[in-house]
Amino acid sequence: MDERLIVALDVPTLPQAEALTERLGDAVSFYKVGMELYYRSGAAAIAMLAAREKRIFLDLKLYDIPNTVARSVRVLTELGVDLLTIHAQGGRAMIAAARAAAEEAAAACGRPRPQLLAVTCLTSFDAATWDEVAGPVPIAERAVRLAEVARAAGADGVIASPEEAAAIRRTAGADFLIVTPGVRPAGASRGDQQRVATPRAALAAGATHLVVGRPITEADDPRAAALAIVREMEAVK
């Protein structure tokens, strides 16, 4: 199992998530639980994956005032997840508060601290829609700046598209996590993703982990689709 591959459990119910993890079996060791599944099933989704000895990425993209985010991170740390997302645009104080809360909660409950990933710019944005909401600063430039702020405030890494991975890697150094959604095997549909790359290209650009959803979960044979992506990833060390 290549732990650089994270499969997105973007399904609405716990039984569907259970069925998918059973079909994937030992081909996948790391799963993302996003808003849809967590809002329906809550901690039961985390417990289901933990019982199968899977690593867990909880992707809730926390974004609020520092105190609210810190209190939320304390609760989520108790679940025992490996990765947890906050929004980089929440700013330095919010990120620092999240890091402190994760450390305190982990120490109190005797669990490892979740690594915090700061979301930079969503992969659904293209240049035109980004300009509409953020003005003329290019996406890549803003993503690098947000990564710099996140690292300085205590984040362990960022969520960024493959298109920004190389620039972030040059700025942030070798020990910073870069988790990339928007990964599509050659020939796969983009869906609602705009800034995408193949697994090989994303890793070559500096990504440490790849989040893949529909190309695996909607495949006729999800296990075969996952293994094909793993083979492509293993060619990039």
C-alpha atoms as a PDB file:
ATOM      1  CA  MET A   1       0.000   0.000   0.000  1.00  0.00           C
ATOM      2  CA  ASP A   2       1.345   3.393  -0.986  1.00  0.00           C
ATOM      3  CA  GLU A   3       0.340   5.850   1.737  1.00  0.00           C
ATOM      4  CA  ARG A   4       0.879   8.750  -0.638  1.00  0.00           C
ATOM      5  CA  LEU A   5      -2.507   7.873  -2.170  1.00  0.00           C
ATOM      6  CA  ILE A   6      -5.532   9.172  -0.258  1.00  0.00           C
ATOM      7  CA  VAL A   7      -8.915   8.046  -1.545  1.00  0.00           C
ATOM      8  CA  ALA A   8     -11.764  10.494  -1.032  1.00  0.00           C
ATOM      9  CA  LEU A   9     -14.804   8.846   0.544  1.00  0.00           C
ATOM     10  CA  ASP A  10     -17.127  11.399  -1.021  1.00  0.00           C
ATOM     11  CA  VAL A  11     -20.278   9.369  -0.466  1.00  0.00           C
ATOM     12  CA  PRO A  12     -23.404  10.361   1.486  1.00  0.00           C
ATOM     13  CA  THR A  13     -23.834   7.424   3.864  1.00  0.00           C
ATOM     14  CA  LEU A  14     -21.790   5.257   6.159  1.00  0.00           C
ATOM     15  CA  PRO A  15     -22.924   1.976   4.533  1.00  0.00           C
ATOM     16  CA  GLN A  16     -21.690   3.273   1.167  1.00  0.00           C
ATOM     17  CA  ALA A  17     -18.350   4.222   2.722  1.00  0.00           C
ATOM     18  CA  GLU A  18     -18.056   0.808   4.342  1.00  0.00           C
ATOM     19  CA  ALA A  19     -18.844  -0.959   1.070  1.00  0.00           C
ATOM     20  CA  LEU A  20     -16.257   1.078  -0.801  1.00  0.00           C
ATOM     21  CA  THR A  21     -13.494   0.434   1.717  1.00  0.00           C
ATOM     22  CA  GLU A  22     -14.306  -3.278   1.567  1.00  0.00           C
ATOM     23  CA  ARG A  23     -14.044  -3.285  -2.231  1.00  0.00           C
ATOM     24  CA  LEU A  24     -10.699  -1.470  -2.117  1.00  0.00           C
ATOM     25  CA  GLY A  25      -9.343  -3.756   0.603  1.00  0.00           C
ATOM     26  CA  ASP A  26      -5.590  -3.690   1.064  1.00  0.00           C
ATOM     27  CA  ALA A  27      -5.060  -1.605  -2.094  1.00  0.00           C
ATOM     28  CA  VAL A  28      -5.688   1.592  -0.097  1.00  0.00           C
ATOM     29  CA  SER A  29      -4.517   2.506   3.395  1.00  0.00           C
ATOM     30  CA  PHE A  30      -5.426   6.213   3.594  1.00  0.00           C
ATOM     31  CA  TYR A  31      -8.885   7.764   3.248  1.00  0.00           C
ATOM     32  CA  LYS A  32     -10.334  11.259   3.236  1.00  0.00           C
ATOM     33  CA  VAL A  33     -13.567  11.907   5.098  1.00  0.00           C
ATOM     34  CA  GLY A  34     -15.104  15.130   3.812  1.00  0.00           C
ATOM     35  CA  MET A  35     -18.050  17.279   4.715  1.00  0.00           C
ATOM     36  CA  GLU A  36     -20.787  15.172   3.140  1.00  0.00           C
ATOM     37  CA  LEU A  37     -19.938  11.941   4.948  1.00  0.00           C
ATOM     38  CA  TYR A  38     -18.933  13.590   8.220  1.00  0.00           C
ATOM     39  CA  TYR A  39     -22.053  15.742   8.446  1.00  0.00           C
ATOM     40  CA  ARG A  40     -24.204  12.635   7.938  1.00  0.00           C
ATOM     41  CA  SER A  41     -22.278  10.079   9.984  1.00  0.00           C
ATOM     42  CA  GLY A  42     -19.965  12.080  12.242  1.00  0.00           C
ATOM     43  CA  ALA A  43     -17.508  10.190  14.402  1.00  0.00           C
ATOM     44  CA  ALA A  44     -18.941   6.849  13.224  1.00  0.00           C
ATOM     45  CA  ALA A  45     -17.175   7.354   9.885  1.00  0.00           C
ATOM     46  CA  ILE A  46     -13.874   7.867  11.685  1.00  0.00           C
ATOM     47  CA  ALA A  47     -14.466   4.829  13.896  1.00  0.00           C
ATOM     48  CA  MET A  48     -15.255   2.673  10.865  1.00  0.00           C
ATOM     49  CA  LEU A  49     -11.904   3.492   9.256  1.00  0.00           C
ATOM     50  CA  ALA A  50      -9.997   3.177  12.518  1.00  0.00           C
ATOM     51  CA  ALA A  51     -11.448  -0.298  13.054  1.00  0.00           C
ATOM     52  CA  ARG A  52      -9.998  -1.259   9.665  1.00  0.00           C
ATOM     53  CA  GLU A  53      -6.621   0.208  10.663  1.00  0.00           C
ATOM     54  CA  LYS A  54      -6.773   2.865   7.976  1.00  0.00           C
ATOM     55  CA  ARG A  55      -5.160   6.283   8.153  1.00  0.00           C
ATOM     56  CA  ILE A  56      -7.655   9.137   8.182  1.00  0.00           C
ATOM     57  CA  PHE A  57      -7.684  12.594   6.630  1.00  0.00           C
ATOM     58  CA  LEU A  58     -10.575  14.657   8.015  1.00  0.00           C
ATOM     59  CA  ASP A  59     -11.274  17.415   5.522  1.00  0.00           C
ATOM     60  CA  LEU A  60     -13.633  19.944   7.090  1.00  0.00           C
ATOM     61  CA  LYS A  61     -11.763  23.118   6.047  1.00  0.00           C
ATOM     62  CA  LEU A  62     -12.254  24.952   9.332  1.00  0.00           C
ATOM     63  CA  TYR A  63     -12.469  28.718   8.860  1.00  0.00           C
ATOM     64  CA  ASP A  64     -13.660  31.025  11.636  1.00  0.00           C
ATOM     65  CA  ILE A  65     -12.305  33.253  14.378  1.00  0.00           C
ATOM     66  CA  PRO A  66      -9.293  31.756  16.200  1.00  0.00           C
ATOM     67  CA  ASN A  67     -11.193  30.785  19.340  1.00  0.00           C
ATOM     68  CA  THR A  68     -13.916  28.931  17.451  1.00  0.00           C
ATOM     69  CA  VAL A  69     -11.429  27.050  15.297  1.00  0.00           C
ATOM     70  CA  ALA A  70      -9.284  26.167  18.306  1.00  0.00           C
ATOM     71  CA  ARG A  71     -12.263  24.751  20.199  1.00  0.00           C
ATOM     72  CA  SER A  72     -13.284  22.729  17.155  1.00  0.00           C
ATOM     73  CA  VAL A  73      -9.762  21.370  16.670  1.00  0.00           C
ATOM     74  CA  ARG A  74      -9.689  20.209  20.300  1.00  0.00           C
ATOM     75  CA  VAL A  75     -12.821  18.128  19.741  1.00  0.00           C
ATOM     76  CA  LEU A  76     -11.650  16.709  16.412  1.00  0.00           C
ATOM     77  CA  THR A  77      -8.224  15.811  17.776  1.00  0.00           C
ATOM     78  CA  GLU A  78      -9.926  13.443  20.211  1.00  0.00           C
ATOM     79  CA  LEU A  79     -11.166  11.380  17.238  1.00  0.00           C
ATOM     80  CA  GLY A  80      -7.650  10.256  16.408  1.00  0.00           C
ATOM     81  CA  VAL A  81      -7.366  11.471  12.812  1.00  0.00           C
ATOM     82  CA  ASP A  82      -4.017  11.811  11.048  1.00  0.00           C
ATOM     83  CA  LEU A  83      -4.630  14.919   8.944  1.00  0.00           C
ATOM     84  CA  LEU A  84      -7.015  17.809   9.516  1.00  0.00           C
ATOM     85  CA  THR A  85      -7.730  20.839   7.308  1.00  0.00           C
ATOM     86  CA  ILE A  86      -8.115  24.487   8.175  1.00  0.00           C
ATOM     87  CA  HIS A  87      -8.249  27.439   5.781  1.00  0.00           C
ATOM     88  CA  ALA A  88      -4.997  29.319   5.229  1.00  0.00           C
ATOM     89  CA  GLN A  89      -7.021  32.470   4.610  1.00  0.00           C
ATOM     90  CA  GLY A  90      -8.073  32.350   8.247  1.00  0.00           C
ATOM     91  CA  GLY A  91      -4.721  33.978   8.915  1.00  0.00           C
ATOM     92  CA  ARG A  92      -1.723  33.538  11.164  1.00  0.00           C
ATOM     93  CA  ALA A  93      -3.582  33.858  14.483  1.00  0.00           C
ATOM     94  CA  MET A  94      -6.202  31.277  13.530  1.00  0.00           C
ATOM     95  CA  ILE A  95      -3.608  28.770  12.313  1.00  0.00           C
ATOM     96  CA  ALA A  96      -1.469  29.221  15.414  1.00  0.00           C
ATOM     97  CA  ALA A  97      -4.511  28.762  17.649  1.00  0.00           C
ATOM     98  CA  ALA A  98      -5.395  25.552  15.803  1.00  0.00           C
ATOM     99  CA  ARG A  99      -1.866  24.202  16.252  1.00  0.00           C
ATOM    100  CA  ALA A 100      -1.826  24.994  19.973  1.00  0.00           C
ATOM    101  CA  ALA A 101      -5.255  23.421  20.461  1.00  0.00           C
ATOM    102  CA  ALA A 102      -4.219  20.254  18.633  1.00  0.00           C
ATOM    103  CA  GLU A 103      -1.122  19.899  20.791  1.00  0.00           C
ATOM    104  CA  GLU A 104      -3.029  20.457  24.026  1.00  0.00           C
ATOM    105  CA  ALA A 105      -5.847  18.063  23.132  1.00  0.00           C
ATOM    106  CA  ALA A 106      -3.451  15.366  21.928  1.00  0.00           C
ATOM    107  CA  ALA A 107      -1.473  15.548  25.152  1.00  0.00           C
ATOM    108  CA  ALA A 108      -4.654  15.423  27.232  1.00  0.00           C
ATOM    109  CA  CYS A 109      -6.129  12.356  25.505  1.00  0.00           C
ATOM    110  CA  GLY A 110      -2.867  10.525  24.846  1.00  0.00           C
ATOM    111  CA  ARG A 111      -3.201  10.527  21.077  1.00  0.00           C
ATOM    112  CA  PRO A 112      -0.762  11.704  18.415  1.00  0.00           C
ATOM    113  CA  ARG A 113      -1.453  15.217  17.241  1.00  0.00           C
ATOM    114  CA  PRO A 114      -3.161  15.461  13.845  1.00  0.00           C
ATOM    115  CA  GLN A 115      -1.032  17.173  11.238  1.00  0.00           C
ATOM    116  CA  LEU A 116      -2.663  20.426  10.186  1.00  0.00           C
ATOM    117  CA  LEU A 117      -3.067  21.226   6.501  1.00  0.00           C
ATOM    118  CA  ALA A 118      -3.930  24.758   5.422  1.00  0.00           C
ATOM    119  CA  VAL A 119      -6.145  25.048   2.349  1.00  0.00           C
ATOM    120  CA  THR A 120      -4.728  27.580  -0.112  1.00  0.00           C
ATOM    121  CA  CYS A 121      -6.844  28.001  -3.268  1.00  0.00           C
ATOM    122  CA  LEU A 122      -9.564  25.507  -4.171  1.00  0.00           C
ATOM    123  CA  THR A 123      -8.889  23.439  -7.284  1.00  0.00           C
ATOM    124  CA  SER A 124     -12.328  24.350  -8.669  1.00  0.00           C
ATOM    125  CA  PHE A 125     -11.052  27.874  -9.404  1.00  0.00           C
ATOM    126  CA  ASP A 126      -9.737  28.770 -12.825  1.00  0.00           C
ATOM    127  CA  ALA A 127      -8.057  32.108 -13.559  1.00  0.00           C
ATOM    128  CA  ALA A 128     -11.308  33.856 -14.466  1.00  0.00           C
ATOM    129  CA  THR A 129     -13.277  32.812 -11.376  1.00  0.00           C
ATOM    130  CA  TRP A 130     -10.273  33.511  -9.147  1.00  0.00           C
ATOM    131  CA  ASP A 131      -9.980  37.042 -10.551  1.00  0.00           C
ATOM    132  CA  GLU A 132     -13.663  37.558  -9.821  1.00  0.00           C
ATOM    133  CA  VAL A 133     -13.341  36.827  -6.108  1.00  0.00           C
ATOM    134  CA  ALA A 134      -9.721  37.703  -5.350  1.00  0.00           C
ATOM    135  CA  GLY A 135      -8.654  40.330  -7.847  1.00  0.00           C
ATOM    136  CA  PRO A 136      -5.660  40.373 -10.195  1.00  0.00           C
ATOM    137  CA  VAL A 137      -3.156  38.492  -8.009  1.00  0.00           C
ATOM    138  CA  PRO A 138      -2.426  35.184  -9.807  1.00  0.00           C
ATOM    139  CA  ILE A 139      -3.528  31.978  -8.105  1.00  0.00           C
ATOM    140  CA  ALA A 140       0.020  30.596  -7.935  1.00  0.00           C
ATOM    141  CA  GLU A 141       1.367  33.738  -6.297  1.00  0.00           C
ATOM    142  CA  ARG A 142      -1.394  33.793  -3.704  1.00  0.00           C
ATOM    143  CA  ALA A 143      -1.024  30.073  -2.974  1.00  0.00           C
ATOM    144  CA  VAL A 144       2.703  30.449  -2.298  1.00  0.00           C
ATOM    145  CA  ARG A 145       2.098  33.401   0.003  1.00  0.00           C
ATOM    146  CA  LEU A 146      -0.591  31.525   1.928  1.00  0.00           C
ATOM    147  CA  ALA A 147       1.752  28.561   2.271  1.00  0.00           C
ATOM    148  CA  GLU A 148       4.439  30.825   3.717  1.00  0.00           C
ATOM    149  CA  VAL A 149       2.007  32.258   6.272  1.00  0.00           C
ATOM    150  CA  ALA A 150       0.700  28.790   7.162  1.00  0.00           C
ATOM    151  CA  ARG A 151       4.167  27.352   7.703  1.00  0.00           C
ATOM    152  CA  ALA A 152       5.230  30.299   9.863  1.00  0.00           C
ATOM    153  CA  ALA A 153       2.080  29.905  11.989  1.00  0.00           C
ATOM    154  CA  GLY A 154       2.634  26.208  12.665  1.00  0.00           C
ATOM    155  CA  ALA A 155       0.806  24.322   9.923  1.00  0.00           C
ATOM    156  CA  ASP A 156       2.406  21.050   8.856  1.00  0.00           C
ATOM    157  CA  GLY A 157       1.501  21.490   5.217  1.00  0.00           C
ATOM    158  CA  VAL A 158      -1.001  22.776   2.720  1.00  0.00           C
ATOM    159  CA  ILE A 159      -3.688  21.704   0.334  1.00  0.00           C
ATOM    160  CA  ALA A 160      -2.795  23.017  -3.106  1.00  0.00           C
ATOM    161  CA  SER A 161      -3.347  22.080  -6.710  1.00  0.00           C
ATOM    162  CA  PRO A 162      -0.593  20.312  -8.648  1.00  0.00           C
ATOM    163  CA  GLU A 163      -0.035  23.537 -10.575  1.00  0.00           C
ATOM    164  CA  GLU A 164       1.219  25.321  -7.444  1.00  0.00           C
ATOM    165  CA  ALA A 165       3.063  22.390  -5.862  1.00  0.00           C
ATOM    166  CA  ALA A 166       6.488  23.087  -7.371  1.00  0.00           C
ATOM    167  CA  ALA A 167       6.527  26.756  -6.363  1.00  0.00           C
ATOM    168  CA  ILE A 168       5.369  25.929  -2.838  1.00  0.00           C
ATOM    169  CA  ARG A 169       8.001  23.208  -2.524  1.00  0.00           C
ATOM    170  CA  ARG A 170      10.773  25.639  -3.499  1.00  0.00           C
ATOM    171  CA  THR A 171       9.571  28.107  -0.880  1.00  0.00           C
ATOM    172  CA  ALA A 172       8.551  25.805   1.966  1.00  0.00           C
ATOM    173  CA  GLY A 173      11.352  23.240   1.891  1.00  0.00           C
ATOM    174  CA  ALA A 174      11.501  19.467   1.850  1.00  0.00           C
ATOM    175  CA  ASP A 175       9.742  18.700   5.143  1.00  0.00           C
ATOM    176  CA  PHE A 176       6.465  20.507   4.381  1.00  0.00           C
ATOM    177  CA  LEU A 177       3.449  18.418   3.376  1.00  0.00           C
ATOM    178  CA  ILE A 178       1.818  19.290   0.060  1.00  0.00           C
ATOM    179  CA  VAL A 179      -1.423  17.387  -0.409  1.00  0.00           C
ATOM    180  CA  THR A 180      -2.896  17.764  -3.884  1.00  0.00           C
ATOM    181  CA  PRO A 181      -6.487  17.190  -4.935  1.00  0.00           C
ATOM    182  CA  GLY A 182      -7.363  17.582  -8.590  1.00  0.00           C
ATOM    183  CA  VAL A 183      -5.378  14.463  -9.543  1.00  0.00           C
ATOM    184  CA  ARG A 184      -6.667  12.723 -12.643  1.00  0.00           C
ATOM    185  CA  PRO A 185      -5.170   9.778 -14.553  1.00  0.00           C
ATOM    186  CA  ALA A 186      -4.586  10.493 -18.230  1.00  0.00           C
ATOM    187  CA  GLY A 187      -7.901  10.495 -20.080  1.00  0.00           C
ATOM    188  CA  ALA A 188     -10.084  10.853 -16.971  1.00  0.00           C
ATOM    189  CA  SER A 189     -12.803  13.498 -16.806  1.00  0.00           C
ATOM    190  CA  ARG A 190     -11.940  16.695 -14.941  1.00  0.00           C
ATOM    191  CA  GLY A 191     -15.411  16.935 -13.410  1.00  0.00           C
ATOM    192  CA  ASP A 192     -15.609  20.250 -11.547  1.00  0.00           C
ATOM    193  CA  GLN A 193     -11.832  20.463 -11.099  1.00  0.00           C
ATOM    194  CA  GLN A 194      -9.936  23.058 -13.113  1.00  0.00           C
ATOM    195  CA  ARG A 195      -6.266  22.915 -12.083  1.00  0.00           C
ATOM    196  CA  VAL A 196      -5.414  19.222 -12.452  1.00  0.00           C
ATOM    197  CA  ALA A 197      -2.495  16.892 -13.200  1.00  0.00           C
ATOM    198  CA  THR A 198      -1.741  13.201 -13.552  1.00  0.00           C
ATOM    199  CA  PRO A 199      -0.429  11.314 -10.503  1.00  0.00           C
ATOM    200  CA  ARG A 200       3.073  11.185 -11.981  1.00  0.00           C
ATOM    201  CA  ALA A 201       3.120  14.922 -12.729  1.00  0.00           C
ATOM    202  CA  ALA A 202       1.762  15.903  -9.304  1.00  0.00           C
ATOM    203  CA  LEU A 203       4.421  13.908  -7.454  1.00  0.00           C
ATOM    204  CA  ALA A 204       7.174  15.174  -9.743  1.00  0.00           C
ATOM    205  CA  ALA A 205       6.057  18.724  -8.949  1.00  0.00           C
ATOM    206  CA  GLY A 206       6.596  18.165  -5.231  1.00  0.00           C
ATOM    207  CA  ALA A 207       3.357  16.750  -3.844  1.00  0.00           C
ATOM    208  CA  THR A 208       3.696  14.425  -0.862  1.00  0.00           C
ATOM    209  CA  HIS A 209       0.173  12.974  -1.042  1.00  0.00           C
ATOM    210  CA  LEU A 210      -2.459  12.748  -3.765  1.00  0.00           C
ATOM    211  CA  VAL A 211      -6.188  12.889  -3.090  1.00  0.00           C
ATOM    212  CA  VAL A 212      -8.161  10.934  -5.680  1.00  0.00           C
ATOM    213  CA  GLY A 213     -11.919  10.545  -5.611  1.00  0.00           C
ATOM    214  CA  ARG A 214     -14.130   9.903  -8.614  1.00  0.00           C
ATOM    215  CA  PRO A 215     -11.510   8.256 -10.885  1.00  0.00           C
ATOM    216  CA  ILE A 216     -11.419   5.496  -8.256  1.00  0.00           C
ATOM    217  CA  THR A 217     -14.765   5.582  -6.477  1.00  0.00           C
ATOM    218  CA  GLU A 218     -16.846   5.799  -9.675  1.00  0.00           C
ATOM    219  CA  ALA A 219     -14.792   3.257 -11.622  1.00  0.00           C
ATOM    220  CA  ASP A 220     -16.366  -0.063 -12.625  1.00  0.00           C
ATOM    221  CA  ASP A 221     -13.577  -1.726 -10.633  1.00  0.00           C
ATOM    222  CA  PRO A 222     -12.418   0.682  -7.919  1.00  0.00           C
ATOM    223  CA  ARG A 223      -9.671  -1.622  -6.681  1.00  0.00           C
ATOM    224  CA  ALA A 224      -8.155  -1.991 -10.149  1.00  0.00           C
ATOM    225  CA  ALA A 225      -8.354   1.774 -10.652  1.00  0.00           C
ATOM    226  CA  ALA A 226      -6.574   2.391  -7.337  1.00  0.00           C
ATOM    227  CA  LEU A 227      -3.851  -0.127  -8.122  1.00  0.00           C
ATOM    228  CA  ALA A 228      -3.270   1.460 -11.534  1.00  0.00           C
ATOM    229  CA  ILE A 229      -2.725   4.834  -9.864  1.00  0.00           C
ATOM    230  CA  VAL A 230      -0.390   3.263  -7.297  1.00  0.00           C
ATOM    231  CA  ARG A 231       1.706   1.742 -10.073  1.00  0.00           C
ATOM    232  CA  GLU A 232       2.033   5.142 -11.706  1.00  0.00           C
ATOM    233  CA  MET A 233       2.973   6.715  -8.364  1.00  0.00           C
ATOM    234  CA  GLU A 234       5.591   4.097  -7.619  1.00  0.00           C
ATOM    235  CA  ALA A 235       7.500   5.179 -10.717  1.00  0.00           C
ATOM    236  CA  VAL A 236       8.127   8.520  -8.969  1.00  0.00           C
ATOM    237  CA  LYS A 237      10.217   8.225  -5.798  1.00  0.00           C
END
